[in-house]
Amino acid sequence: DAHKDDASIGTVDADSKAVSAAGG
């Protein structure tokens, strides 16, 4: 939570959303 704005965390979240958006 303390590092939720960190770039690496953001990348992981983005990847997860991309998978969901692709139907996964």
mmCIF file of all heavy atoms, coordinates in Angstrom:
data_MODEL
# 
_entry.id   MODEL 
# 
loop_
_atom_site.group_PDB 
_atom_site.id 
_atom_site.type_symbol 
_atom_site.label_atom_id 
_atom_site.label_alt_id 
_atom_site.label_comp_id 
_atom_site.label_asym_id 
_atom_site.label_entity_id 
_atom_site.label_seq_id 
_atom_site.pdbx_PDB_ins_code 
_atom_site.Cartn_x 
_atom_site.Cartn_y 
_atom_site.Cartn_z 
_atom_site.occupancy 
_atom_site.B_iso_or_equiv 
_atom_site.pdbx_formal_charge 
_atom_site.auth_seq_id 
_atom_site.auth_comp_id 
_atom_site.auth_asym_id 
_atom_site.auth_atom_id 
_atom_site.pdbx_PDB_model_num 
ATOM 1   N N   . ASP A 1 1  ? 0.823   -1.205  0.000   1.00 0.00 ? 1  ASP A N   1 
ATOM 2   C CA  . ASP A 1 1  ? 0.000   0.000   0.000   1.00 0.00 ? 1  ASP A CA  1 
ATOM 3   C C   . ASP A 1 1  ? 0.859   1.257   0.000   1.00 0.00 ? 1  ASP A C   1 
ATOM 4   O O   . ASP A 1 1  ? 0.548   2.249   -0.652  1.00 0.00 ? 1  ASP A O   1 
ATOM 5   C CB  . ASP A 1 1  ? -0.914  0.011   1.241   1.00 0.00 ? 1  ASP A CB  1 
ATOM 6   C CG  . ASP A 1 1  ? -1.964  -1.082  1.170   1.00 0.00 ? 1  ASP A CG  1 
ATOM 7   O OD1 . ASP A 1 1  ? -2.280  -1.513  0.037   1.00 0.00 ? 1  ASP A OD1 1 
ATOM 8   O OD2 . ASP A 1 1  ? -2.457  -1.493  2.236   1.00 0.00 ? 1  ASP A OD2 1 
ATOM 9   N N   . ALA A 1 2  ? 1.960   1.198   0.746   1.00 0.00 ? 2  ALA A N   1 
ATOM 10  C CA  . ALA A 1 2  ? 2.836   2.366   0.849   1.00 0.00 ? 2  ALA A CA  1 
ATOM 11  C C   . ALA A 1 2  ? 3.531   2.683   -0.466  1.00 0.00 ? 2  ALA A C   1 
ATOM 12  O O   . ALA A 1 2  ? 3.926   3.817   -0.709  1.00 0.00 ? 2  ALA A O   1 
ATOM 13  C CB  . ALA A 1 2  ? 3.872   2.132   1.949   1.00 0.00 ? 2  ALA A CB  1 
ATOM 14  N N   . HIS A 1 3  ? 3.667   1.699   -1.314  1.00 0.00 ? 3  HIS A N   1 
ATOM 15  C CA  . HIS A 1 3  ? 4.365   1.892   -2.583  1.00 0.00 ? 3  HIS A CA  1 
ATOM 16  C C   . HIS A 1 3  ? 3.445   1.669   -3.787  1.00 0.00 ? 3  HIS A C   1 
ATOM 17  O O   . HIS A 1 3  ? 3.879   1.320   -4.871  1.00 0.00 ? 3  HIS A O   1 
ATOM 18  C CB  . HIS A 1 3  ? 5.556   0.929   -2.677  1.00 0.00 ? 3  HIS A CB  1 
ATOM 19  C CG  . HIS A 1 3  ? 6.606   1.180   -1.648  1.00 0.00 ? 3  HIS A CG  1 
ATOM 20  N ND1 . HIS A 1 3  ? 6.511   0.677   -0.372  1.00 0.00 ? 3  HIS A ND1 1 
ATOM 21  C CD2 . HIS A 1 3  ? 7.767   1.891   -1.684  1.00 0.00 ? 3  HIS A CD2 1 
ATOM 22  C CE1 . HIS A 1 3  ? 7.565   1.048   0.337   1.00 0.00 ? 3  HIS A CE1 1 
ATOM 23  N NE2 . HIS A 1 3  ? 8.335   1.785   -0.432  1.00 0.00 ? 3  HIS A NE2 1 
ATOM 24  N N   . LYS A 1 4  ? 2.166   1.881   -3.603  1.00 0.00 ? 4  LYS A N   1 
ATOM 25  C CA  . LYS A 1 4  ? 1.226   1.603   -4.680  1.00 0.00 ? 4  LYS A CA  1 
ATOM 26  C C   . LYS A 1 4  ? 1.394   2.525   -5.875  1.00 0.00 ? 4  LYS A C   1 
ATOM 27  O O   . LYS A 1 4  ? 0.918   2.232   -6.961  1.00 0.00 ? 4  LYS A O   1 
ATOM 28  C CB  . LYS A 1 4  ? -0.212  1.681   -4.144  1.00 0.00 ? 4  LYS A CB  1 
ATOM 29  C CG  . LYS A 1 4  ? -0.593  3.060   -3.608  1.00 0.00 ? 4  LYS A CG  1 
ATOM 30  C CD  . LYS A 1 4  ? -2.015  3.011   -3.051  1.00 0.00 ? 4  LYS A CD  1 
ATOM 31  C CE  . LYS A 1 4  ? -2.412  4.369   -2.465  1.00 0.00 ? 4  LYS A CE  1 
ATOM 32  N NZ  . LYS A 1 4  ? -3.781  4.317   -1.914  1.00 0.00 ? 4  LYS A NZ  1 
ATOM 33  N N   . ASP A 1 5  ? 2.070   3.662   -5.656  1.00 0.00 ? 5  ASP A N   1 
ATOM 34  C CA  . ASP A 1 5  ? 2.293   4.588   -6.761  1.00 0.00 ? 5  ASP A CA  1 
ATOM 35  C C   . ASP A 1 5  ? 3.620   4.335   -7.472  1.00 0.00 ? 5  ASP A C   1 
ATOM 36  O O   . ASP A 1 5  ? 3.965   5.035   -8.421  1.00 0.00 ? 5  ASP A O   1 
ATOM 37  C CB  . ASP A 1 5  ? 2.275   6.044   -6.253  1.00 0.00 ? 5  ASP A CB  1 
ATOM 38  C CG  . ASP A 1 5  ? 0.904   6.423   -5.727  1.00 0.00 ? 5  ASP A CG  1 
ATOM 39  O OD1 . ASP A 1 5  ? -0.091  5.913   -6.280  1.00 0.00 ? 5  ASP A OD1 1 
ATOM 40  O OD2 . ASP A 1 5  ? 0.846   7.208   -4.766  1.00 0.00 ? 5  ASP A OD2 1 
ATOM 41  N N   . ASP A 1 6  ? 4.350   3.329   -6.981  1.00 0.00 ? 6  ASP A N   1 
ATOM 42  C CA  . ASP A 1 6  ? 5.652   3.019   -7.585  1.00 0.00 ? 6  ASP A CA  1 
ATOM 43  C C   . ASP A 1 6  ? 5.455   2.546   -9.025  1.00 0.00 ? 6  ASP A C   1 
ATOM 44  O O   . ASP A 1 6  ? 4.476   1.884   -9.358  1.00 0.00 ? 6  ASP A O   1 
ATOM 45  C CB  . ASP A 1 6  ? 6.344   1.917   -6.773  1.00 0.00 ? 6  ASP A CB  1 
ATOM 46  C CG  . ASP A 1 6  ? 7.740   1.632   -7.282  1.00 0.00 ? 6  ASP A CG  1 
ATOM 47  O OD1 . ASP A 1 6  ? 8.662   2.371   -6.889  1.00 0.00 ? 6  ASP A OD1 1 
ATOM 48  O OD2 . ASP A 1 6  ? 7.895   0.689   -8.071  1.00 0.00 ? 6  ASP A OD2 1 
ATOM 49  N N   . ALA A 1 7  ? 6.363   2.890   -9.871  1.00 0.00 ? 7  ALA A N   1 
ATOM 50  C CA  . ALA A 1 7  ? 6.234   2.560   -11.292 1.00 0.00 ? 7  ALA A CA  1 
ATOM 51  C C   . ALA A 1 7  ? 6.148   1.066   -11.531 1.00 0.00 ? 7  ALA A C   1 
ATOM 52  O O   . ALA A 1 7  ? 5.380   0.591   -12.365 1.00 0.00 ? 7  ALA A O   1 
ATOM 53  C CB  . ALA A 1 7  ? 7.422   3.140   -12.065 1.00 0.00 ? 7  ALA A CB  1 
ATOM 54  N N   . SER A 1 8  ? 6.940   0.270   -10.785 1.00 0.00 ? 8  SER A N   1 
ATOM 55  C CA  . SER A 1 8  ? 6.936   -1.172  -11.005 1.00 0.00 ? 8  SER A CA  1 
ATOM 56  C C   . SER A 1 8  ? 5.602   -1.788  -10.618 1.00 0.00 ? 8  SER A C   1 
ATOM 57  O O   . SER A 1 8  ? 5.099   -2.687  -11.277 1.00 0.00 ? 8  SER A O   1 
ATOM 58  C CB  . SER A 1 8  ? 8.065   -1.833  -10.209 1.00 0.00 ? 8  SER A CB  1 
ATOM 59  O OG  . SER A 1 8  ? 7.872   -1.619  -8.825  1.00 0.00 ? 8  SER A OG  1 
ATOM 60  N N   . ILE A 1 9  ? 5.006   -1.259  -9.532  1.00 0.00 ? 9  ILE A N   1 
ATOM 61  C CA  . ILE A 1 9  ? 3.703   -1.755  -9.109  1.00 0.00 ? 9  ILE A CA  1 
ATOM 62  C C   . ILE A 1 9  ? 2.664   -1.403  -10.153 1.00 0.00 ? 9  ILE A C   1 
ATOM 63  O O   . ILE A 1 9  ? 1.800   -2.189  -10.496 1.00 0.00 ? 9  ILE A O   1 
ATOM 64  C CB  . ILE A 1 9  ? 3.298   -1.163  -7.739  1.00 0.00 ? 9  ILE A CB  1 
ATOM 65  C CG1 . ILE A 1 9  ? 4.336   -1.540  -6.682  1.00 0.00 ? 9  ILE A CG1 1 
ATOM 66  C CG2 . ILE A 1 9  ? 1.915   -1.633  -7.327  1.00 0.00 ? 9  ILE A CG2 1 
ATOM 67  C CD1 . ILE A 1 9  ? 4.461   -3.033  -6.468  1.00 0.00 ? 9  ILE A CD1 1 
ATOM 68  N N   . GLY A 1 10 ? 2.778   -0.224  -10.691 1.00 0.00 ? 10 GLY A N   1 
ATOM 69  C CA  . GLY A 1 10 ? 1.841   0.211   -11.712 1.00 0.00 ? 10 GLY A CA  1 
ATOM 70  C C   . GLY A 1 10 ? 1.913   -0.659  -12.947 1.00 0.00 ? 10 GLY A C   1 
ATOM 71  O O   . GLY A 1 10 ? 0.905   -0.952  -13.582 1.00 0.00 ? 10 GLY A O   1 
ATOM 72  N N   . THR A 1 11 ? 3.103   -1.095  -13.283 1.00 0.00 ? 11 THR A N   1 
ATOM 73  C CA  . THR A 1 11 ? 3.271   -1.958  -14.445 1.00 0.00 ? 11 THR A CA  1 
ATOM 74  C C   . THR A 1 11 ? 2.575   -3.288  -14.242 1.00 0.00 ? 11 THR A C   1 
ATOM 75  O O   . THR A 1 11 ? 1.906   -3.805  -15.126 1.00 0.00 ? 11 THR A O   1 
ATOM 76  C CB  . THR A 1 11 ? 4.777   -2.207  -14.713 1.00 0.00 ? 11 THR A CB  1 
ATOM 77  O OG1 . THR A 1 11 ? 5.418   -0.964  -14.922 1.00 0.00 ? 11 THR A OG1 1 
ATOM 78  C CG2 . THR A 1 11 ? 4.958   -3.095  -15.927 1.00 0.00 ? 11 THR A CG2 1 
ATOM 79  N N   . VAL A 1 12 ? 2.701   -3.833  -13.030 1.00 0.00 ? 12 VAL A N   1 
ATOM 80  C CA  . VAL A 1 12 ? 2.050   -5.098  -12.741 1.00 0.00 ? 12 VAL A CA  1 
ATOM 81  C C   . VAL A 1 12 ? 0.549   -4.961  -12.849 1.00 0.00 ? 12 VAL A C   1 
ATOM 82  O O   . VAL A 1 12 ? -0.132  -5.786  -13.438 1.00 0.00 ? 12 VAL A O   1 
ATOM 83  C CB  . VAL A 1 12 ? 2.436   -5.589  -11.323 1.00 0.00 ? 12 VAL A CB  1 
ATOM 84  C CG1 . VAL A 1 12 ? 1.613   -6.811  -10.948 1.00 0.00 ? 12 VAL A CG1 1 
ATOM 85  C CG2 . VAL A 1 12 ? 3.920   -5.916  -11.270 1.00 0.00 ? 12 VAL A CG2 1 
ATOM 86  N N   . ASP A 1 13 ? 0.007   -3.870  -12.268 1.00 0.00 ? 13 ASP A N   1 
ATOM 87  C CA  . ASP A 1 13 ? -1.426  -3.646  -12.330 1.00 0.00 ? 13 ASP A CA  1 
ATOM 88  C C   . ASP A 1 13 ? -1.884  -3.501  -13.770 1.00 0.00 ? 13 ASP A C   1 
ATOM 89  O O   . ASP A 1 13 ? -2.923  -4.012  -14.157 1.00 0.00 ? 13 ASP A O   1 
ATOM 90  C CB  . ASP A 1 13 ? -1.806  -2.384  -11.536 1.00 0.00 ? 13 ASP A CB  1 
ATOM 91  C CG  . ASP A 1 13 ? -1.618  -2.608  -10.040 1.00 0.00 ? 13 ASP A CG  1 
ATOM 92  O OD1 . ASP A 1 13 ? -1.568  -3.776  -9.633  1.00 0.00 ? 13 ASP A OD1 1 
ATOM 93  O OD2 . ASP A 1 13 ? -1.509  -1.620  -9.300  1.00 0.00 ? 13 ASP A OD2 1 
ATOM 94  N N   . ALA A 1 14 ? -1.105  -2.797  -14.555 1.00 0.00 ? 14 ALA A N   1 
ATOM 95  C CA  . ALA A 1 14 ? -1.462  -2.578  -15.947 1.00 0.00 ? 14 ALA A CA  1 
ATOM 96  C C   . ALA A 1 14 ? -1.504  -3.898  -16.709 1.00 0.00 ? 14 ALA A C   1 
ATOM 97  O O   . ALA A 1 14 ? -2.390  -4.144  -17.514 1.00 0.00 ? 14 ALA A O   1 
ATOM 98  C CB  . ALA A 1 14 ? -0.451  -1.626  -16.609 1.00 0.00 ? 14 ALA A CB  1 
ATOM 99  N N   . ASP A 1 15 ? -0.528  -4.765  -16.404 1.00 0.00 ? 15 ASP A N   1 
ATOM 100 C CA  . ASP A 1 15 ? -0.489  -6.058  -17.068 1.00 0.00 ? 15 ASP A CA  1 
ATOM 101 C C   . ASP A 1 15 ? -1.704  -6.898  -16.699 1.00 0.00 ? 15 ASP A C   1 
ATOM 102 O O   . ASP A 1 15 ? -2.291  -7.570  -17.545 1.00 0.00 ? 15 ASP A O   1 
ATOM 103 C CB  . ASP A 1 15 ? 0.795   -6.814  -16.685 1.00 0.00 ? 15 ASP A CB  1 
ATOM 104 C CG  . ASP A 1 15 ? 2.036   -6.195  -17.315 1.00 0.00 ? 15 ASP A CG  1 
ATOM 105 O OD1 . ASP A 1 15 ? 1.874   -5.439  -18.291 1.00 0.00 ? 15 ASP A OD1 1 
ATOM 106 O OD2 . ASP A 1 15 ? 3.137   -6.488  -16.830 1.00 0.00 ? 15 ASP A OD2 1 
ATOM 107 N N   . SER A 1 16 ? -2.085  -6.848  -15.426 1.00 0.00 ? 16 SER A N   1 
ATOM 108 C CA  . SER A 1 16 ? -3.235  -7.611  -14.975 1.00 0.00 ? 16 SER A CA  1 
ATOM 109 C C   . SER A 1 16 ? -4.497  -7.144  -15.671 1.00 0.00 ? 16 SER A C   1 
ATOM 110 O O   . SER A 1 16 ? -5.324  -7.934  -16.096 1.00 0.00 ? 16 SER A O   1 
ATOM 111 C CB  . SER A 1 16 ? -3.407  -7.477  -13.453 1.00 0.00 ? 16 SER A CB  1 
ATOM 112 O OG  . SER A 1 16 ? -2.275  -7.986  -12.784 1.00 0.00 ? 16 SER A OG  1 
ATOM 113 N N   . LYS A 1 17 ? -4.644  -5.815  -15.792 1.00 0.00 ? 17 LYS A N   1 
ATOM 114 C CA  . LYS A 1 17 ? -5.814  -5.262  -16.458 1.00 0.00 ? 17 LYS A CA  1 
ATOM 115 C C   . LYS A 1 17 ? -5.818  -5.631  -17.930 1.00 0.00 ? 17 LYS A C   1 
ATOM 116 O O   . LYS A 1 17 ? -6.852  -5.890  -18.521 1.00 0.00 ? 17 LYS A O   1 
ATOM 117 C CB  . LYS A 1 17 ? -5.836  -3.744  -16.284 1.00 0.00 ? 17 LYS A CB  1 
ATOM 118 C CG  . LYS A 1 17 ? -6.060  -3.295  -14.839 1.00 0.00 ? 17 LYS A CG  1 
ATOM 119 C CD  . LYS A 1 17 ? -6.037  -1.792  -14.722 1.00 0.00 ? 17 LYS A CD  1 
ATOM 120 C CE  . LYS A 1 17 ? -6.240  -1.357  -13.264 1.00 0.00 ? 17 LYS A CE  1 
ATOM 121 N NZ  . LYS A 1 17 ? -6.165  0.110   -13.108 1.00 0.00 ? 17 LYS A NZ  1 
ATOM 122 N N   . ALA A 1 18 ? -4.637  -5.665  -18.525 1.00 0.00 ? 18 ALA A N   1 
ATOM 123 C CA  . ALA A 1 18 ? -4.549  -5.997  -19.939 1.00 0.00 ? 18 ALA A CA  1 
ATOM 124 C C   . ALA A 1 18 ? -5.005  -7.430  -20.177 1.00 0.00 ? 18 ALA A C   1 
ATOM 125 O O   . ALA A 1 18 ? -5.706  -7.715  -21.149 1.00 0.00 ? 18 ALA A O   1 
ATOM 126 C CB  . ALA A 1 18 ? -3.117  -5.810  -20.432 1.00 0.00 ? 18 ALA A CB  1 
ATOM 127 N N   . VAL A 1 19 ? -4.636  -8.320  -19.271 1.00 0.00 ? 19 VAL A N   1 
ATOM 128 C CA  . VAL A 1 19 ? -5.044  -9.712  -19.411 1.00 0.00 ? 19 VAL A CA  1 
ATOM 129 C C   . VAL A 1 19 ? -6.557  -9.831  -19.306 1.00 0.00 ? 19 VAL A C   1 
ATOM 130 O O   . VAL A 1 19 ? -7.198  -10.523 -20.081 1.00 0.00 ? 19 VAL A O   1 
ATOM 131 C CB  . VAL A 1 19 ? -4.376  -10.581 -18.311 1.00 0.00 ? 19 VAL A CB  1 
ATOM 132 C CG1 . VAL A 1 19 ? -4.958  -11.975 -18.318 1.00 0.00 ? 19 VAL A CG1 1 
ATOM 133 C CG2 . VAL A 1 19 ? -2.869  -10.639 -18.542 1.00 0.00 ? 19 VAL A CG2 1 
ATOM 134 N N   . SER A 1 20 ? -7.131  -9.122  -18.317 1.00 0.00 ? 20 SER A N   1 
ATOM 135 C CA  . SER A 1 20 ? -8.578  -9.158  -18.134 1.00 0.00 ? 20 SER A CA  1 
ATOM 136 C C   . SER A 1 20 ? -9.295  -8.580  -19.346 1.00 0.00 ? 20 SER A C   1 
ATOM 137 O O   . SER A 1 20 ? -10.311 -9.099  -19.803 1.00 0.00 ? 20 SER A O   1 
ATOM 138 C CB  . SER A 1 20 ? -8.967  -8.385  -16.874 1.00 0.00 ? 20 SER A CB  1 
ATOM 139 O OG  . SER A 1 20 ? -8.368  -8.963  -15.733 1.00 0.00 ? 20 SER A OG  1 
ATOM 140 N N   . ALA A 1 21 ? -8.759  -7.496  -19.878 1.00 0.00 ? 21 ALA A N   1 
ATOM 141 C CA  . ALA A 1 21 ? -9.386  -6.852  -21.013 1.00 0.00 ? 21 ALA A CA  1 
ATOM 142 C C   . ALA A 1 21 ? -9.353  -7.741  -22.256 1.00 0.00 ? 21 ALA A C   1 
ATOM 143 O O   . ALA A 1 21 ? -10.207 -7.660  -23.132 1.00 0.00 ? 21 ALA A O   1 
ATOM 144 C CB  . ALA A 1 21 ? -8.678  -5.525  -21.322 1.00 0.00 ? 21 ALA A CB  1 
ATOM 145 N N   . ALA A 1 22 ? -8.339  -8.619  -22.294 1.00 0.00 ? 22 ALA A N   1 
ATOM 146 C CA  . ALA A 1 22 ? -8.197  -9.484  -23.459 1.00 0.00 ? 22 ALA A CA  1 
ATOM 147 C C   . ALA A 1 22 ? -9.062  -10.739 -23.337 1.00 0.00 ? 22 ALA A C   1 
ATOM 148 O O   . ALA A 1 22 ? -9.002  -11.628 -24.170 1.00 0.00 ? 22 ALA A O   1 
ATOM 149 C CB  . ALA A 1 22 ? -6.728  -9.900  -23.617 1.00 0.00 ? 22 ALA A CB  1 
ATOM 150 N N   . GLY A 1 23 ? -9.868  -10.798 -22.284 1.00 0.00 ? 23 GLY A N   1 
ATOM 151 C CA  . GLY A 1 23 ? -10.759 -11.930 -22.121 1.00 0.00 ? 23 GLY A CA  1 
ATOM 152 C C   . GLY A 1 23 ? -10.203 -12.995 -21.202 1.00 0.00 ? 23 GLY A C   1 
ATOM 153 O O   . GLY A 1 23 ? -10.794 -14.051 -21.022 1.00 0.00 ? 23 GLY A O   1 
ATOM 154 N N   . GLY A 1 24 ? -9.044  -12.732 -20.596 1.00 0.00 ? 24 GLY A N   1 
ATOM 155 C CA  . GLY A 1 24 ? -8.429  -13.714 -19.694 1.00 0.00 ? 24 GLY A CA  1 
ATOM 156 C C   . GLY A 1 24 ? -8.820  -13.415 -18.266 1.00 0.00 ? 24 GLY A C   1 
ATOM 157 O O   . GLY A 1 24 ? -9.792  -12.725 -18.000 1.00 0.00 ? 24 GLY A O   1 
# 
